[in-house]
Amino acid sequence: MPVDISPPEKDESTPVESSGLPAGRTPEEVAHHFGISPRRVRQMARELGACRIFGNRMFLLPTDVEAILEASRPKPKPAYHPRGRDSADLDELLALRKQMEREEAARKKKK
């Protein structure tokens, strides 16, 4: 059985979009779309590893853009708990107050 070793013929009429290639964007395009600095987009992409770099060119795939957007979400602030409001501190304070009242009563008794 003969084996065909010739490369498959390419269909030149198919556009790039339908050929299955990723829809890459430059940091400038992404920055313009979201109204932010291209420099900040490049910085975040490098920090997160969410980019493709070929030589001195950077490309961002849709998944890279999603990762950058997810990382830029604001972090929720932790719940505020004022100091001295938990039950252990309150119990300690009440015990100290009782002790001071006893000492004051003992001093008054001596007089």
PDB file of N, CA and C in Angstrom:
ATOM      1  N   MET A   1       0.845  -1.166   0.000  1.00  0.00           N
ATOM      2  CA  MET A   1       0.000   0.000   0.000  1.00  0.00           C
ATOM      3  C   MET A   1       0.896   1.236   0.000  1.00  0.00           C
ATOM      4  N   PRO A   2       0.788   2.116  -0.990  1.00  0.00           N
ATOM      5  CA  PRO A   2       1.649   3.291  -1.064  1.00  0.00           C
ATOM      6  C   PRO A   2       1.205   4.355  -0.050  1.00  0.00           C
ATOM      7  N   VAL A   3       2.197   5.056   0.498  1.00  0.00           N
ATOM      8  CA  VAL A   3       1.946   6.109   1.473  1.00  0.00           C
ATOM      9  C   VAL A   3       2.149   7.451   0.789  1.00  0.00           C
ATOM     10  N   ASP A   4       1.217   8.335   0.969  1.00  0.00           N
ATOM     11  CA  ASP A   4       1.301   9.662   0.369  1.00  0.00           C
ATOM     12  C   ASP A   4       2.082  10.569   1.320  1.00  0.00           C
ATOM     13  N   ILE A   5       3.296  10.989   0.925  1.00  0.00           N
ATOM     14  CA  ILE A   5       4.117  11.837   1.788  1.00  0.00           C
ATOM     15  C   ILE A   5       4.089  13.303   1.367  1.00  0.00           C
ATOM     16  N   SER A   6       3.317  13.618   0.367  1.00  0.00           N
ATOM     17  CA  SER A   6       3.244  15.016  -0.064  1.00  0.00           C
ATOM     18  C   SER A   6       2.399  15.808   0.939  1.00  0.00           C
ATOM     19  N   PRO A   7       2.753  17.083   1.154  1.00  0.00           N
ATOM     20  CA  PRO A   7       1.975  17.890   2.102  1.00  0.00           C
ATOM     21  C   PRO A   7       0.558  18.102   1.586  1.00  0.00           C
ATOM     22  N   PRO A   8      -0.382  18.211   2.487  1.00  0.00           N
ATOM     23  CA  PRO A   8      -1.763  18.429   2.037  1.00  0.00           C
ATOM     24  C   PRO A   8      -1.888  19.782   1.351  1.00  0.00           C
ATOM     25  N   GLU A   9      -2.774  19.836   0.362  1.00  0.00           N
ATOM     26  CA  GLU A   9      -2.964  21.085  -0.372  1.00  0.00           C
ATOM     27  C   GLU A   9      -3.706  22.089   0.503  1.00  0.00           C
ATOM     28  N   LYS A  10      -3.241  23.325   0.446  1.00  0.00           N
ATOM     29  CA  LYS A  10      -3.872  24.384   1.225  1.00  0.00           C
ATOM     30  C   LYS A  10      -4.937  25.061   0.383  1.00  0.00           C
ATOM     31  N   ASP A  11      -6.037  25.357   1.030  1.00  0.00           N
ATOM     32  CA  ASP A  11      -7.102  26.091   0.365  1.00  0.00           C
ATOM     33  C   ASP A  11      -6.878  27.567   0.651  1.00  0.00           C
ATOM     34  N   GLU A  12      -6.458  28.315  -0.353  1.00  0.00           N
ATOM     35  CA  GLU A  12      -6.121  29.725  -0.183  1.00  0.00           C
ATOM     36  C   GLU A  12      -7.361  30.607  -0.025  1.00  0.00           C
ATOM     37  N   SER A  13      -8.548  30.071  -0.274  1.00  0.00           N
ATOM     38  CA  SER A  13      -9.747  30.906  -0.220  1.00  0.00           C
ATOM     39  C   SER A  13     -10.299  31.068   1.195  1.00  0.00           C
ATOM     40  N   THR A  14      -9.824  30.268   2.167  1.00  0.00           N
ATOM     41  CA  THR A  14     -10.369  30.367   3.524  1.00  0.00           C
ATOM     42  C   THR A  14      -9.700  31.511   4.268  1.00  0.00           C
ATOM     43  N   PRO A  15     -10.482  32.365   4.910  1.00  0.00           N
ATOM     44  CA  PRO A  15      -9.887  33.451   5.693  1.00  0.00           C
ATOM     45  C   PRO A  15      -9.263  32.919   6.977  1.00  0.00           C
ATOM     46  N   VAL A  16      -8.465  33.749   7.616  1.00  0.00           N
ATOM     47  CA  VAL A  16      -7.746  33.360   8.824  1.00  0.00           C
ATOM     48  C   VAL A  16      -8.717  32.998   9.943  1.00  0.00           C
ATOM     49  N   GLU A  17      -9.844  33.729  10.063  1.00  0.00           N
ATOM     50  CA  GLU A  17     -10.780  33.499  11.152  1.00  0.00           C
ATOM     51  C   GLU A  17     -11.356  32.087  11.123  1.00  0.00           C
ATOM     52  N   SER A  18     -11.672  31.581   9.944  1.00  0.00           N
ATOM     53  CA  SER A  18     -12.291  30.264   9.863  1.00  0.00           C
ATOM     54  C   SER A  18     -11.263  29.140   9.860  1.00  0.00           C
ATOM     55  N   SER A  19      -9.983  29.468   9.847  1.00  0.00           N
ATOM     56  CA  SER A  19      -8.965  28.422   9.815  1.00  0.00           C
ATOM     57  C   SER A  19      -8.634  27.897  11.200  1.00  0.00           C
ATOM     58  N   GLY A  20      -9.244  28.438  12.247  1.00  0.00           N
ATOM     59  CA  GLY A  20      -9.007  27.943  13.594  1.00  0.00           C
ATOM     60  C   GLY A  20      -7.872  28.636  14.318  1.00  0.00           C
ATOM     61  N   LEU A  21      -7.281  29.654  13.712  1.00  0.00           N
ATOM     62  CA  LEU A  21      -6.222  30.387  14.395  1.00  0.00           C
ATOM     63  C   LEU A  21      -6.832  31.277  15.469  1.00  0.00           C
ATOM     64  N   PRO A  22      -6.114  31.491  16.576  1.00  0.00           N
ATOM     65  CA  PRO A  22      -6.666  32.326  17.650  1.00  0.00           C
ATOM     66  C   PRO A  22      -6.785  33.789  17.235  1.00  0.00           C
ATOM     67  N   ALA A  23      -7.747  34.444  17.804  1.00  0.00           N
ATOM     68  CA  ALA A  23      -7.959  35.866  17.525  1.00  0.00           C
ATOM     69  C   ALA A  23      -7.088  36.673  18.475  1.00  0.00           C
ATOM     70  N   GLY A  24      -5.823  36.850  18.133  1.00  0.00           N
ATOM     71  CA  GLY A  24      -4.897  37.586  18.987  1.00  0.00           C
ATOM     72  C   GLY A  24      -5.097  39.084  18.867  1.00  0.00           C
ATOM     73  N   ARG A  25      -4.864  39.778  19.959  1.00  0.00           N
ATOM     74  CA  ARG A  25      -4.962  41.230  20.000  1.00  0.00           C
ATOM     75  C   ARG A  25      -3.669  41.787  20.557  1.00  0.00           C
ATOM     76  N   THR A  26      -3.329  42.982  20.145  1.00  0.00           N
ATOM     77  CA  THR A  26      -2.149  43.639  20.702  1.00  0.00           C
ATOM     78  C   THR A  26      -2.556  44.345  21.996  1.00  0.00           C
ATOM     79  N   PRO A  27      -1.597  44.621  22.873  1.00  0.00           N
ATOM     80  CA  PRO A  27      -1.925  45.366  24.095  1.00  0.00           C
ATOM     81  C   PRO A  27      -2.541  46.735  23.789  1.00  0.00           C
ATOM     82  N   GLU A  28      -2.136  47.344  22.679  1.00  0.00           N
ATOM     83  CA  GLU A  28      -2.686  48.642  22.307  1.00  0.00           C
ATOM     84  C   GLU A  28      -4.174  48.534  21.982  1.00  0.00           C
ATOM     85  N   GLU A  29      -4.568  47.467  21.257  1.00  0.00           N
ATOM     86  CA  GLU A  29      -5.981  47.273  20.926  1.00  0.00           C
ATOM     87  C   GLU A  29      -6.814  47.036  22.179  1.00  0.00           C
ATOM     88  N   VAL A  30      -6.303  46.215  23.078  1.00  0.00           N
ATOM     89  CA  VAL A  30      -7.019  45.924  24.323  1.00  0.00           C
ATOM     90  C   VAL A  30      -7.124  47.190  25.169  1.00  0.00           C
ATOM     91  N   ALA A  31      -6.025  47.930  25.266  1.00  0.00           N
ATOM     92  CA  ALA A  31      -6.018  49.159  26.062  1.00  0.00           C
ATOM     93  C   ALA A  31      -6.998  50.181  25.493  1.00  0.00           C
ATOM     94  N   HIS A  32      -7.016  50.320  24.182  1.00  0.00           N
ATOM     95  CA  HIS A  32      -7.935  51.266  23.550  1.00  0.00           C
ATOM     96  C   HIS A  32      -9.383  50.856  23.810  1.00  0.00           C
ATOM     97  N   HIS A  33      -9.667  49.563  23.741  1.00  0.00           N
ATOM     98  CA  HIS A  33     -11.026  49.062  23.959  1.00  0.00           C
ATOM     99  C   HIS A  33     -11.518  49.370  25.372  1.00  0.00           C
ATOM    100  N   PHE A  34     -10.650  49.199  26.370  1.00  0.00           N
ATOM    101  CA  PHE A  34     -11.046  49.399  27.765  1.00  0.00           C
ATOM    102  C   PHE A  34     -10.704  50.795  28.294  1.00  0.00           C
ATOM    103  N   GLY A  35     -10.021  51.603  27.497  1.00  0.00           N
ATOM    104  CA  GLY A  35      -9.711  52.966  27.907  1.00  0.00           C
ATOM    105  C   GLY A  35      -8.636  53.049  28.979  1.00  0.00           C
ATOM    106  N   ILE A  36      -7.657  52.163  28.905  1.00  0.00           N
ATOM    107  CA  ILE A  36      -6.553  52.182  29.861  1.00  0.00           C
ATOM    108  C   ILE A  36      -5.238  52.285  29.108  1.00  0.00           C
ATOM    109  N   SER A  37      -4.158  52.381  29.832  1.00  0.00           N
ATOM    110  CA  SER A  37      -2.843  52.560  29.238  1.00  0.00           C
ATOM    111  C   SER A  37      -2.311  51.242  28.664  1.00  0.00           C
ATOM    112  N   PRO A  38      -1.761  51.265  27.440  1.00  0.00           N
ATOM    113  CA  PRO A  38      -1.140  50.059  26.888  1.00  0.00           C
ATOM    114  C   PRO A  38       0.020  49.566  27.753  1.00  0.00           C
ATOM    115  N   ARG A  39       0.721  50.503  28.371  1.00  0.00           N
ATOM    116  CA  ARG A  39       1.841  50.132  29.238  1.00  0.00           C
ATOM    117  C   ARG A  39       1.351  49.294  30.421  1.00  0.00           C
ATOM    118  N   ARG A  40       0.204  49.682  31.011  1.00  0.00           N
ATOM    119  CA  ARG A  40      -0.366  48.940  32.140  1.00  0.00           C
ATOM    120  C   ARG A  40      -0.838  47.554  31.689  1.00  0.00           C
ATOM    121  N   VAL A  41      -1.406  47.464  30.500  1.00  0.00           N
ATOM    122  CA  VAL A  41      -1.841  46.164  29.969  1.00  0.00           C
ATOM    123  C   VAL A  41      -0.637  45.246  29.817  1.00  0.00           C
ATOM    124  N   ARG A  42       0.457  45.756  29.236  1.00  0.00           N
ATOM    125  CA  ARG A  42       1.664  44.943  29.068  1.00  0.00           C
ATOM    126  C   ARG A  42       2.227  44.502  30.414  1.00  0.00           C
ATOM    127  N   GLN A  43       2.255  45.425  31.381  1.00  0.00           N
ATOM    128  CA  GLN A  43       2.801  45.117  32.703  1.00  0.00           C
ATOM    129  C   GLN A  43       1.996  44.001  33.375  1.00  0.00           C
ATOM    130  N   MET A  44       0.677  44.128  33.366  1.00  0.00           N
ATOM    131  CA  MET A  44      -0.164  43.107  34.002  1.00  0.00           C
ATOM    132  C   MET A  44      -0.050  41.773  33.275  1.00  0.00           C
ATOM    133  N   ALA A  45       0.017  41.818  31.950  1.00  0.00           N
ATOM    134  CA  ALA A  45       0.127  40.586  31.170  1.00  0.00           C
ATOM    135  C   ALA A  45       1.422  39.849  31.505  1.00  0.00           C
ATOM    136  N   ARG A  46       2.521  40.582  31.629  1.00  0.00           N
ATOM    137  CA  ARG A  46       3.799  39.949  31.991  1.00  0.00           C
ATOM    138  C   ARG A  46       3.763  39.393  33.407  1.00  0.00           C
ATOM    139  N   GLU A  47       3.211  40.177  34.368  1.00  0.00           N
ATOM    140  CA  GLU A  47       3.155  39.728  35.758  1.00  0.00           C
ATOM    141  C   GLU A  47       2.341  38.448  35.896  1.00  0.00           C
ATOM    142  N   LEU A  48       1.248  38.354  35.144  1.00  0.00           N
ATOM    143  CA  LEU A  48       0.364  37.195  35.239  1.00  0.00           C
ATOM    144  C   LEU A  48       0.788  36.055  34.326  1.00  0.00           C
ATOM    145  N   GLY A  49       1.675  36.343  33.386  1.00  0.00           N
ATOM    146  CA  GLY A  49       2.040  35.326  32.399  1.00  0.00           C
ATOM    147  C   GLY A  49       0.901  35.091  31.421  1.00  0.00           C
ATOM    148  N   ALA A  50       0.056  36.089  31.258  1.00  0.00           N
ATOM    149  CA  ALA A  50      -1.118  35.975  30.398  1.00  0.00           C
ATOM    150  C   ALA A  50      -0.867  36.693  29.077  1.00  0.00           C
ATOM    151  N   CYS A  51       0.124  36.217  28.333  1.00  0.00           N
ATOM    152  CA  CYS A  51       0.419  36.825  27.040  1.00  0.00           C
ATOM    153  C   CYS A  51       1.269  35.866  26.222  1.00  0.00           C
ATOM    154  N   ARG A  52       1.399  36.192  24.950  1.00  0.00           N
ATOM    155  CA  ARG A  52       2.279  35.450  24.048  1.00  0.00           C
ATOM    156  C   ARG A  52       3.270  36.464  23.501  1.00  0.00           C
ATOM    157  N   ILE A  53       4.553  36.157  23.608  1.00  0.00           N
ATOM    158  CA  ILE A  53       5.581  37.081  23.144  1.00  0.00           C
ATOM    159  C   ILE A  53       6.409  36.399  22.067  1.00  0.00           C
ATOM    160  N   PHE A  54       6.492  37.066  20.915  1.00  0.00           N
ATOM    161  CA  PHE A  54       7.314  36.600  19.802  1.00  0.00           C
ATOM    162  C   PHE A  54       8.302  37.704  19.485  1.00  0.00           C
ATOM    163  N   GLY A  55       9.548  37.496  19.869  1.00  0.00           N
ATOM    164  CA  GLY A  55      10.552  38.534  19.664  1.00  0.00           C
ATOM    165  C   GLY A  55      10.225  39.731  20.530  1.00  0.00           C
ATOM    166  N   ASN A  56       9.981  40.874  19.894  1.00  0.00           N
ATOM    167  CA  ASN A  56       9.609  42.061  20.665  1.00  0.00           C
ATOM    168  C   ASN A  56       8.124  42.396  20.505  1.00  0.00           C
ATOM    169  N   ARG A  57       7.335  41.428  20.070  1.00  0.00           N
ATOM    170  CA  ARG A  57       5.892  41.629  19.882  1.00  0.00           C
ATOM    171  C   ARG A  57       5.106  40.832  20.923  1.00  0.00           C
ATOM    172  N   MET A  58       4.075  41.455  21.463  1.00  0.00           N
ATOM    173  CA  MET A  58       3.215  40.791  22.439  1.00  0.00           C
ATOM    174  C   MET A  58       1.814  40.658  21.852  1.00  0.00           C
ATOM    175  N   PHE A  59       1.220  39.477  22.035  1.00  0.00           N
ATOM    176  CA  PHE A  59      -0.142  39.223  21.604  1.00  0.00           C
ATOM    177  C   PHE A  59      -0.938  38.695  22.781  1.00  0.00           C
ATOM    178  N   LEU A  60      -2.205  39.064  22.826  1.00  0.00           N
ATOM    179  CA  LEU A  60      -3.087  38.611  23.892  1.00  0.00           C
ATOM    180  C   LEU A  60      -4.246  37.837  23.279  1.00  0.00           C
ATOM    181  N   LEU A  61      -4.439  36.621  23.742  1.00  0.00           N
ATOM    182  CA  LEU A  61      -5.575  35.813  23.317  1.00  0.00           C
ATOM    183  C   LEU A  61      -6.777  36.178  24.188  1.00  0.00           C
ATOM    184  N   PRO A  62      -7.983  35.798  23.773  1.00  0.00           N
ATOM    185  CA  PRO A  62      -9.160  36.104  24.598  1.00  0.00           C
ATOM    186  C   PRO A  62      -9.039  35.576  26.031  1.00  0.00           C
ATOM    187  N   THR A  63      -8.435  34.412  26.211  1.00  0.00           N
ATOM    188  CA  THR A  63      -8.261  33.885  27.575  1.00  0.00           C
ATOM    189  C   THR A  63      -7.279  34.737  28.369  1.00  0.00           C
ATOM    190  N   ASP A  64      -6.275  35.292  27.689  1.00  0.00           N
ATOM    191  CA  ASP A  64      -5.320  36.185  28.360  1.00  0.00           C
ATOM    192  C   ASP A  64      -6.013  37.466  28.824  1.00  0.00           C
ATOM    193  N   VAL A  65      -6.863  38.016  27.957  1.00  0.00           N
ATOM    194  CA  VAL A  65      -7.587  39.240  28.310  1.00  0.00           C
ATOM    195  C   VAL A  65      -8.508  38.969  29.498  1.00  0.00           C
ATOM    196  N   GLU A  66      -9.174  37.811  29.499  1.00  0.00           N
ATOM    197  CA  GLU A  66     -10.044  37.449  30.629  1.00  0.00           C
ATOM    198  C   GLU A  66      -9.238  37.334  31.916  1.00  0.00           C
ATOM    199  N   ALA A  67      -8.039  36.746  31.842  1.00  0.00           N
ATOM    200  CA  ALA A  67      -7.194  36.605  33.034  1.00  0.00           C
ATOM    201  C   ALA A  67      -6.763  37.971  33.556  1.00  0.00           C
ATOM    202  N   ILE A  68      -6.437  38.880  32.658  1.00  0.00           N
ATOM    203  CA  ILE A  68      -6.038  40.233  33.068  1.00  0.00           C
ATOM    204  C   ILE A  68      -7.215  40.951  33.728  1.00  0.00           C
ATOM    205  N   LEU A  69      -8.394  40.826  33.130  1.00  0.00           N
ATOM    206  CA  LEU A  69      -9.575  41.471  33.705  1.00  0.00           C
ATOM    207  C   LEU A  69      -9.923  40.881  35.067  1.00  0.00           C
ATOM    208  N   GLU A  70      -9.807  39.575  35.204  1.00  0.00           N
ATOM    209  CA  GLU A  70     -10.109  38.925  36.489  1.00  0.00           C
ATOM    210  C   GLU A  70      -9.125  39.372  37.565  1.00  0.00           C
ATOM    211  N   ALA A  71      -7.859  39.502  37.203  1.00  0.00           N
ATOM    212  CA  ALA A  71      -6.844  39.926  38.172  1.00  0.00           C
ATOM    213  C   ALA A  71      -7.014  41.390  38.568  1.00  0.00           C
ATOM    214  N   SER A  72      -7.664  42.176  37.725  1.00  0.00           N
ATOM    215  CA  SER A  72      -7.826  43.595  38.033  1.00  0.00           C
ATOM    216  C   SER A  72      -9.077  43.882  38.857  1.00  0.00           C
ATOM    217  N   ARG A  73      -9.836  42.835  39.189  1.00  0.00           N
ATOM    218  CA  ARG A  73     -11.020  43.050  40.035  1.00  0.00           C
ATOM    219  C   ARG A  73     -10.577  43.517  41.412  1.00  0.00           C
ATOM    220  N   PRO A  74     -11.314  44.433  42.021  1.00  0.00           N
ATOM    221  CA  PRO A  74     -10.934  44.894  43.363  1.00  0.00           C
ATOM    222  C   PRO A  74     -11.095  43.784  44.386  1.00  0.00           C
ATOM    223  N   LYS A  75     -10.174  43.747  45.316  1.00  0.00           N
ATOM    224  CA  LYS A  75     -10.223  42.740  46.375  1.00  0.00           C
ATOM    225  C   LYS A  75     -11.171  43.242  47.467  1.00  0.00           C
ATOM    226  N   PRO A  76     -12.056  42.380  47.990  1.00  0.00           N
ATOM    227  CA  PRO A  76     -12.955  42.841  49.051  1.00  0.00           C
ATOM    228  C   PRO A  76     -12.187  43.116  50.330  1.00  0.00           C
ATOM    229  N   LYS A  77     -12.610  44.157  51.027  1.00  0.00           N
ATOM    230  CA  LYS A  77     -11.959  44.497  52.287  1.00  0.00           C
ATOM    231  C   LYS A  77     -12.416  43.522  53.361  1.00  0.00           C
ATOM    232  N   PRO A  78     -11.524  43.165  54.280  1.00  0.00           N
ATOM    233  CA  PRO A  78     -11.947  42.289  55.369  1.00  0.00           C
ATOM    234  C   PRO A  78     -12.929  43.018  56.280  1.00  0.00           C
ATOM    235  N   ALA A  79     -13.766  42.247  56.950  1.00  0.00           N
ATOM    236  CA  ALA A  79     -14.746  42.841  57.853  1.00  0.00           C
ATOM    237  C   ALA A  79     -14.033  43.568  58.986  1.00  0.00           C
ATOM    238  N   TYR A  80     -14.558  44.705  59.359  1.00  0.00           N
ATOM    239  CA  TYR A  80     -13.950  45.517  60.401  1.00  0.00           C
ATOM    240  C   TYR A  80     -14.450  45.038  61.759  1.00  0.00           C
ATOM    241  N   HIS A  81     -13.524  44.690  62.629  1.00  0.00           N
ATOM    242  CA  HIS A  81     -13.849  44.287  63.992  1.00  0.00           C
ATOM    243  C   HIS A  81     -13.122  45.228  64.937  1.00  0.00           C
ATOM    244  N   PRO A  82     -13.862  46.100  65.625  1.00  0.00           N
ATOM    245  CA  PRO A  82     -13.189  47.017  66.544  1.00  0.00           C
ATOM    246  C   PRO A  82     -12.529  46.263  67.688  1.00  0.00           C
ATOM    247  N   ARG A  83     -11.390  46.781  68.118  1.00  0.00           N
ATOM    248  CA  ARG A  83     -10.657  46.125  69.209  1.00  0.00           C
ATOM    249  C   ARG A  83     -11.429  46.246  70.511  1.00  0.00           C
ATOM    250  N   GLY A  84     -11.276  45.218  71.364  1.00  0.00           N
ATOM    251  CA  GLY A  84     -11.877  45.247  72.685  1.00  0.00           C
ATOM    252  C   GLY A  84     -13.356  44.928  72.699  1.00  0.00           C
ATOM    253  N   ARG A  85     -13.886  44.438  71.609  1.00  0.00           N
ATOM    254  CA  ARG A  85     -15.315  44.164  71.550  1.00  0.00           C
ATOM    255  C   ARG A  85     -15.626  42.670  71.642  1.00  0.00           C
ATOM    256  N   ASP A  86     -14.629  41.832  71.676  1.00  0.00           N
ATOM    257  CA  ASP A  86     -14.936  40.404  71.754  1.00  0.00           C
ATOM    258  C   ASP A  86     -15.190  40.003  73.204  1.00  0.00           C
ATOM    259  N   SER A  87     -15.781  38.849  73.410  1.00  0.00           N
ATOM    260  CA  SER A  87     -16.251  38.446  74.743  1.00  0.00           C
ATOM    261  C   SER A  87     -15.107  38.221  75.726  1.00  0.00           C
ATOM    262  N   ALA A  88     -13.948  37.773  75.270  1.00  0.00           N
ATOM    263  CA  ALA A  88     -12.824  37.539  76.187  1.00  0.00           C
ATOM    264  C   ALA A  88     -12.372  38.854  76.814  1.00  0.00           C
ATOM    265  N   ASP A  89     -12.256  39.890  76.011  1.00  0.00           N
ATOM    266  CA  ASP A  89     -11.863  41.200  76.540  1.00  0.00           C
ATOM    267  C   ASP A  89     -12.929  41.748  77.486  1.00  0.00           C
ATOM    268  N   LEU A  90     -14.187  41.547  77.124  1.00  0.00           N
ATOM    269  CA  LEU A  90     -15.272  42.038  77.966  1.00  0.00           C
ATOM    270  C   LEU A  90     -15.287  41.325  79.317  1.00  0.00           C
ATOM    271  N   ASP A  91     -15.112  39.991  79.300  1.00  0.00           N
ATOM    272  CA  ASP A  91     -15.074  39.229  80.555  1.00  0.00           C
ATOM    273  C   ASP A  91     -13.918  39.688  81.437  1.00  0.00           C
ATOM    274  N   GLU A  92     -12.765  39.906  80.833  1.00  0.00           N
ATOM    275  CA  GLU A  92     -11.594  40.356  81.585  1.00  0.00           C
ATOM    276  C   GLU A  92     -11.842  41.737  82.194  1.00  0.00           C
ATOM    277  N   LEU A  93     -12.465  42.608  81.441  1.00  0.00           N
ATOM    278  CA  LEU A  93     -12.763  43.949  81.922  1.00  0.00           C
ATOM    279  C   LEU A  93     -13.770  43.921  83.078  1.00  0.00           C
ATOM    280  N   LEU A  94     -14.792  43.084  82.953  1.00  0.00           N
ATOM    281  CA  LEU A  94     -15.783  42.967  84.032  1.00  0.00           C
ATOM    282  C   LEU A  94     -15.167  42.393  85.300  1.00  0.00           C
ATOM    283  N   ALA A  95     -14.279  41.407  85.154  1.00  0.00           N
ATOM    284  CA  ALA A  95     -13.606  40.825  86.320  1.00  0.00           C
ATOM    285  C   ALA A  95     -12.727  41.869  86.998  1.00  0.00           C
ATOM    286  N   LEU A  96     -12.022  42.661  86.217  1.00  0.00           N
ATOM    287  CA  LEU A  96     -11.183  43.716  86.777  1.00  0.00           C
ATOM    288  C   LEU A  96     -12.032  44.756  87.518  1.00  0.00           C
ATOM    289  N   ARG A  97     -13.172  45.101  86.956  1.00  0.00           N
ATOM    290  CA  ARG A  97     -14.061  46.068  87.594  1.00  0.00           C
ATOM    291  C   ARG A  97     -14.578  45.538  88.942  1.00  0.00           C
ATOM    292  N   LYS A  98     -14.961  44.246  88.984  1.00  0.00           N
ATOM    293  CA  LYS A  98     -15.431  43.645  90.243  1.00  0.00           C
ATOM    294  C   LYS A  98     -14.330  43.665  91.295  1.00  0.00           C
ATOM    295  N   GLN A  99     -13.105  43.338  90.868  1.00  0.00           N
ATOM    296  CA  GLN A  99     -11.974  43.331  91.801  1.00  0.00           C
ATOM    297  C   GLN A  99     -11.744  44.735  92.355  1.00  0.00           C
ATOM    298  N   MET A 100     -11.815  45.739  91.508  1.00  0.00           N
ATOM    299  CA  MET A 100     -11.622  47.117  91.966  1.00  0.00           C
ATOM    300  C   MET A 100     -12.740  47.537  92.929  1.00  0.00           C
ATOM    301  N   GLU A 101     -13.967  47.103  92.664  1.00  0.00           N
ATOM    302  CA  GLU A 101     -15.081  47.423  93.563  1.00  0.00           C
ATOM    303  C   GLU A 101     -14.880  46.779  94.938  1.00  0.00           C
ATOM    304  N   ARG A 102     -14.385  45.518  94.950  1.00  0.00           N
ATOM    305  CA  ARG A 102     -14.116  44.829  96.221  1.00  0.00           C
ATOM    306  C   ARG A 102     -13.029  45.554  97.009  1.00  0.00           C
ATOM    307  N   GLU A 103     -11.968  45.944  96.312  1.00  0.00           N
ATOM    308  CA  GLU A 103     -10.873  46.654  96.984  1.00  0.00           C
ATOM    309  C   GLU A 103     -11.359  47.991  97.537  1.00  0.00           C
ATOM    310  N   GLU A 104     -12.193  48.683  96.789  1.00  0.00           N
ATOM    311  CA  GLU A 104     -12.737  49.959  97.246  1.00  0.00           C
ATOM    312  C   GLU A 104     -13.630  49.752  98.469  1.00  0.00           C
ATOM    313  N   ALA A 105     -14.444  48.698  98.437  1.00  0.00           N
ATOM    314  CA  ALA A 105     -15.321  48.393  99.578  1.00  0.00           C
ATOM    315  C   ALA A 105     -14.493  48.025 100.807  1.00  0.00           C
ATOM    316  N   ALA A 106     -13.398  47.281 100.618  1.00  0.00           N
ATOM    317  CA  ALA A 106     -12.534  46.893 101.740  1.00  0.00           C
ATOM    318  C   ALA A 106     -11.870  48.127 102.337  1.00  0.00           C
ATOM    319  N   ARG A 107     -11.443  49.075 101.513  1.00  0.00           N
ATOM    320  CA  ARG A 107     -10.825  50.303 102.002  1.00  0.00           C
ATOM    321  C   ARG A 107     -11.819  51.138 102.820  1.00  0.00           C
ATOM    322  N   LYS A 108     -13.050  51.201 102.353  1.00  0.00           N
ATOM    323  CA  LYS A 108     -14.074  51.973 103.062  1.00  0.00           C
ATOM    324  C   LYS A 108     -14.410  51.324 104.408  1.00  0.00           C
ATOM    325  N   LYS A 109     -14.357  49.978 104.463  1.00  0.00           N
ATOM    326  CA  LYS A 109     -14.650  49.252 105.698  1.00  0.00           C
ATOM    327  C   LYS A 109     -13.609  49.544 106.766  1.00  0.00           C
ATOM    328  N   LYS A 110     -12.349  49.661 106.349  1.00  0.00           N
ATOM    329  CA  LYS A 110     -11.253  49.898 107.292  1.00  0.00           C
ATOM    330  C   LYS A 110     -11.389  51.257 107.955  1.00  0.00           C
ATOM    331  N   LYS A 111     -11.968  52.207 107.339  1.00  0.00           N
ATOM    332  CA  LYS A 111     -12.065  53.567 107.876  1.00  0.00           C
ATOM    333  C   LYS A 111     -13.108  53.665 108.891  1.00  0.00           C
TER     334      LYS A 111
END
